[in-house]
Amino acid sequence: MSSDVRKRSVTIAGHRTSFSLEDAFWSELQGIATRRDMAIAELVAEVDEGRDGNLSSALRLYVLADLQGRLAESPDTQNIPEDI
């Protein structure tokens, strides 16, 4: 997976907005939208409404929080060494 930052665009609240994300974050964001049965633009709009910083950073932090939450819920987390 590429670590290149790519510019993405979606329409939210009736206007086009763009943000820059690495492929890994974009892929995870798409997975979250799929799991929540919503369009990617809807998810971006949701994050956009509650953000404090720029949209790209808010989306990365949203993905991180989702991954941390799913990891905490996973029964396999007891087997992960603490030094990782």
N, C-alpha and C. Protein backbone atom coordinates (compact mmCIF):
# COMPACT_ATOMS: atom_id res chain seq x y z
N MET A 1 0.84 -1.17 0.00
CA MET A 1 0.00 0.00 0.00
C MET A 1 0.89 1.23 0.00
N SER A 2 0.53 2.19 -0.80
CA SER A 2 1.34 3.38 -0.96
C SER A 2 1.24 4.30 0.25
N SER A 3 2.35 4.92 0.60
CA SER A 3 2.34 5.90 1.69
C SER A 3 2.20 7.32 1.13
N ASP A 4 2.02 7.42 -0.19
CA ASP A 4 1.83 8.72 -0.81
C ASP A 4 0.55 9.37 -0.32
N VAL A 5 0.61 10.66 -0.10
CA VAL A 5 -0.57 11.42 0.28
C VAL A 5 -1.30 11.80 -1.00
N ARG A 6 -2.58 11.49 -1.06
CA ARG A 6 -3.37 11.78 -2.26
C ARG A 6 -4.51 12.73 -1.89
N LYS A 7 -4.79 13.64 -2.79
CA LYS A 7 -5.89 14.57 -2.60
C LYS A 7 -7.19 13.85 -2.97
N ARG A 8 -8.18 13.94 -2.10
CA ARG A 8 -9.50 13.32 -2.31
C ARG A 8 -10.54 14.45 -2.28
N SER A 9 -11.64 14.27 -2.98
CA SER A 9 -12.71 15.26 -2.97
C SER A 9 -14.05 14.57 -2.78
N VAL A 10 -14.91 15.18 -2.00
CA VAL A 10 -16.28 14.72 -1.80
C VAL A 10 -17.18 15.94 -1.74
N THR A 11 -18.45 15.71 -1.93
CA THR A 11 -19.43 16.78 -1.80
C THR A 11 -20.13 16.61 -0.46
N ILE A 12 -20.03 17.64 0.37
CA ILE A 12 -20.75 17.63 1.65
C ILE A 12 -21.44 18.98 1.82
N ALA A 13 -22.62 18.94 2.36
CA ALA A 13 -23.41 20.15 2.58
C ALA A 13 -23.54 20.97 1.29
N GLY A 14 -23.63 20.28 0.16
CA GLY A 14 -23.84 20.95 -1.11
C GLY A 14 -22.62 21.58 -1.76
N HIS A 15 -21.44 21.39 -1.18
CA HIS A 15 -20.24 21.95 -1.82
C HIS A 15 -19.12 20.92 -1.82
N ARG A 16 -18.23 21.05 -2.80
CA ARG A 16 -17.08 20.16 -2.89
C ARG A 16 -16.05 20.58 -1.86
N THR A 17 -15.50 19.60 -1.21
CA THR A 17 -14.41 19.86 -0.29
C THR A 17 -13.33 18.82 -0.55
N SER A 18 -12.12 19.17 -0.31
CA SER A 18 -11.02 18.23 -0.55
C SER A 18 -10.16 18.12 0.69
N PHE A 19 -9.48 17.00 0.75
CA PHE A 19 -8.59 16.70 1.86
C PHE A 19 -7.52 15.77 1.32
N SER A 20 -6.45 15.64 2.06
CA SER A 20 -5.33 14.79 1.64
C SER A 20 -5.17 13.65 2.64
N LEU A 21 -5.14 12.42 2.12
CA LEU A 21 -4.97 11.24 2.97
C LEU A 21 -4.07 10.22 2.29
N GLU A 22 -3.33 9.49 3.08
CA GLU A 22 -2.57 8.35 2.57
C GLU A 22 -3.56 7.23 2.23
N ASP A 23 -3.14 6.34 1.33
CA ASP A 23 -4.01 5.24 0.90
C ASP A 23 -4.51 4.40 2.06
N ALA A 24 -3.67 4.15 3.05
CA ALA A 24 -4.06 3.32 4.19
C ALA A 24 -5.22 3.95 4.97
N PHE A 25 -5.15 5.26 5.19
CA PHE A 25 -6.24 5.94 5.88
C PHE A 25 -7.51 5.96 5.04
N TRP A 26 -7.37 6.18 3.74
CA TRP A 26 -8.51 6.19 2.84
C TRP A 26 -9.20 4.82 2.83
N SER A 27 -8.42 3.78 2.78
CA SER A 27 -8.96 2.43 2.78
C SER A 27 -9.73 2.14 4.07
N GLU A 28 -9.14 2.52 5.20
CA GLU A 28 -9.82 2.31 6.48
C GLU A 28 -11.10 3.15 6.58
N LEU A 29 -11.05 4.37 6.07
CA LEU A 29 -12.23 5.23 6.09
C LEU A 29 -13.35 4.62 5.26
N GLN A 30 -13.01 4.06 4.11
CA GLN A 30 -14.01 3.39 3.28
C GLN A 30 -14.59 2.17 4.01
N GLY A 31 -13.74 1.43 4.72
CA GLY A 31 -14.20 0.29 5.48
C GLY A 31 -15.17 0.69 6.59
N ILE A 32 -14.87 1.79 7.26
CA ILE A 32 -15.77 2.29 8.31
C ILE A 32 -17.12 2.65 7.71
N ALA A 33 -17.10 3.36 6.60
CA ALA A 33 -18.36 3.74 5.94
C ALA A 33 -19.16 2.50 5.54
N THR A 34 -18.48 1.50 5.03
CA THR A 34 -19.15 0.26 4.64
C THR A 34 -19.77 -0.42 5.86
N ARG A 35 -19.01 -0.54 6.94
CA ARG A 35 -19.53 -1.17 8.16
C ARG A 35 -20.72 -0.41 8.73
N ARG A 36 -20.72 0.90 8.57
CA ARG A 36 -21.81 1.72 9.08
C ARG A 36 -22.92 1.89 8.05
N ASP A 37 -22.77 1.26 6.89
CA ASP A 37 -23.77 1.29 5.82
C ASP A 37 -24.11 2.74 5.43
N MET A 38 -23.05 3.50 5.15
CA MET A 38 -23.24 4.88 4.75
C MET A 38 -22.26 5.23 3.64
N ALA A 39 -22.58 6.26 2.89
CA ALA A 39 -21.69 6.73 1.84
C ALA A 39 -20.48 7.41 2.48
N ILE A 40 -19.36 7.36 1.77
CA ILE A 40 -18.13 7.98 2.28
C ILE A 40 -18.35 9.47 2.51
N ALA A 41 -19.12 10.12 1.65
CA ALA A 41 -19.39 11.56 1.81
C ALA A 41 -20.17 11.82 3.10
N GLU A 42 -21.06 10.93 3.47
CA GLU A 42 -21.81 11.08 4.73
C GLU A 42 -20.87 10.99 5.93
N LEU A 43 -19.96 10.03 5.87
CA LEU A 43 -19.02 9.86 6.96
C LEU A 43 -18.09 11.07 7.07
N VAL A 44 -17.60 11.55 5.93
CA VAL A 44 -16.73 12.73 5.94
C VAL A 44 -17.49 13.93 6.50
N ALA A 45 -18.77 14.08 6.12
CA ALA A 45 -19.58 15.19 6.64
C ALA A 45 -19.74 15.09 8.15
N GLU A 46 -19.92 13.88 8.66
CA GLU A 46 -20.06 13.67 10.10
C GLU A 46 -18.78 14.08 10.83
N VAL A 47 -17.65 13.67 10.29
CA VAL A 47 -16.36 14.04 10.90
C VAL A 47 -16.15 15.55 10.78
N ASP A 48 -16.51 16.10 9.64
CA ASP A 48 -16.35 17.54 9.39
C ASP A 48 -17.13 18.37 10.40
N GLU A 49 -18.32 17.93 10.76
CA GLU A 49 -19.16 18.68 11.71
C GLU A 49 -18.55 18.76 13.10
N GLY A 50 -17.82 17.73 13.50
CA GLY A 50 -17.29 17.69 14.87
C GLY A 50 -15.81 17.98 14.99
N ARG A 51 -15.19 18.45 13.95
CA ARG A 51 -13.73 18.60 14.00
C ARG A 51 -13.30 19.92 14.62
N ASP A 52 -12.06 19.89 15.14
CA ASP A 52 -11.44 21.10 15.68
C ASP A 52 -10.35 21.62 14.75
N GLY A 53 -9.56 20.71 14.17
CA GLY A 53 -8.45 21.10 13.30
C GLY A 53 -8.84 21.00 11.84
N ASN A 54 -7.85 20.76 11.00
CA ASN A 54 -8.16 20.63 9.57
C ASN A 54 -8.80 19.26 9.29
N LEU A 55 -9.48 19.17 8.18
CA LEU A 55 -10.26 17.98 7.86
C LEU A 55 -9.38 16.75 7.70
N SER A 56 -8.25 16.88 7.06
CA SER A 56 -7.35 15.73 6.87
C SER A 56 -6.93 15.14 8.21
N SER A 57 -6.52 15.99 9.13
CA SER A 57 -6.12 15.52 10.46
C SER A 57 -7.29 14.91 11.20
N ALA A 58 -8.46 15.52 11.10
CA ALA A 58 -9.65 15.00 11.78
C ALA A 58 -10.00 13.61 11.26
N LEU A 59 -9.87 13.40 9.96
CA LEU A 59 -10.17 12.08 9.39
C LEU A 59 -9.16 11.04 9.85
N ARG A 60 -7.89 11.40 9.90
CA ARG A 60 -6.88 10.46 10.41
C ARG A 60 -7.16 10.08 11.86
N LEU A 61 -7.48 11.07 12.67
CA LEU A 61 -7.78 10.80 14.08
C LEU A 61 -9.04 9.96 14.23
N TYR A 62 -10.01 10.17 13.38
CA TYR A 62 -11.25 9.38 13.40
C TYR A 62 -10.93 7.91 13.10
N VAL A 63 -10.12 7.69 12.07
CA VAL A 63 -9.73 6.32 11.71
C VAL A 63 -8.95 5.68 12.86
N LEU A 64 -8.03 6.41 13.45
CA LEU A 64 -7.25 5.89 14.57
C LEU A 64 -8.17 5.50 15.73
N ALA A 65 -9.12 6.37 16.08
CA ALA A 65 -10.05 6.08 17.18
C ALA A 65 -10.89 4.84 16.88
N ASP A 66 -11.31 4.70 15.63
CA ASP A 66 -12.10 3.52 15.24
C ASP A 66 -11.26 2.25 15.39
N LEU A 67 -10.04 2.28 14.91
CA LEU A 67 -9.16 1.11 15.02
C LEU A 67 -8.86 0.78 16.48
N GLN A 68 -8.60 1.79 17.29
CA GLN A 68 -8.34 1.56 18.71
C GLN A 68 -9.57 0.96 19.40
N GLY A 69 -10.74 1.46 19.06
CA GLY A 69 -11.97 0.93 19.64
C GLY A 69 -12.21 -0.51 19.26
N ARG A 70 -11.99 -0.84 18.00
CA ARG A 70 -12.17 -2.22 17.57
C ARG A 70 -11.13 -3.14 18.18
N LEU A 71 -9.92 -2.65 18.35
CA LEU A 71 -8.87 -3.44 18.97
C LEU A 71 -9.20 -3.72 20.44
N ALA A 72 -9.72 -2.72 21.13
CA ALA A 72 -10.09 -2.89 22.54
C ALA A 72 -11.22 -3.88 22.71
N GLU A 73 -12.10 -3.98 21.73
CA GLU A 73 -13.23 -4.91 21.79
C GLU A 73 -12.86 -6.33 21.41
N SER A 74 -11.72 -6.50 20.75
CA SER A 74 -11.30 -7.80 20.25
C SER A 74 -10.80 -8.68 21.39
N PRO A 75 -11.29 -9.92 21.46
CA PRO A 75 -10.81 -10.83 22.51
C PRO A 75 -9.35 -11.22 22.32
N ASP A 76 -8.80 -11.03 21.13
CA ASP A 76 -7.42 -11.41 20.86
C ASP A 76 -6.42 -10.40 21.40
N THR A 77 -6.87 -9.26 21.92
CA THR A 77 -5.93 -8.23 22.37
C THR A 77 -5.15 -8.66 23.60
N GLN A 78 -5.61 -9.67 24.31
CA GLN A 78 -4.88 -10.17 25.48
C GLN A 78 -3.55 -10.78 25.06
N ASN A 79 -3.43 -11.20 23.80
CA ASN A 79 -2.23 -11.87 23.33
C ASN A 79 -1.23 -10.93 22.65
N ILE A 80 -1.51 -9.65 22.64
CA ILE A 80 -0.61 -8.70 21.99
C ILE A 80 0.42 -8.23 23.01
N PRO A 81 1.72 -8.38 22.71
CA PRO A 81 2.75 -7.90 23.64
C PRO A 81 2.63 -6.40 23.87
N GLU A 82 2.92 -5.94 25.06
CA GLU A 82 2.77 -4.55 25.41
C GLU A 82 3.79 -3.65 24.73
N ASP A 83 4.88 -4.19 24.25
CA ASP A 83 5.92 -3.36 23.64
C ASP A 83 5.69 -3.08 22.18
N ILE A 84 4.54 -3.43 21.65
CA ILE A 84 4.23 -3.15 20.24
C ILE A 84 3.65 -1.77 20.12
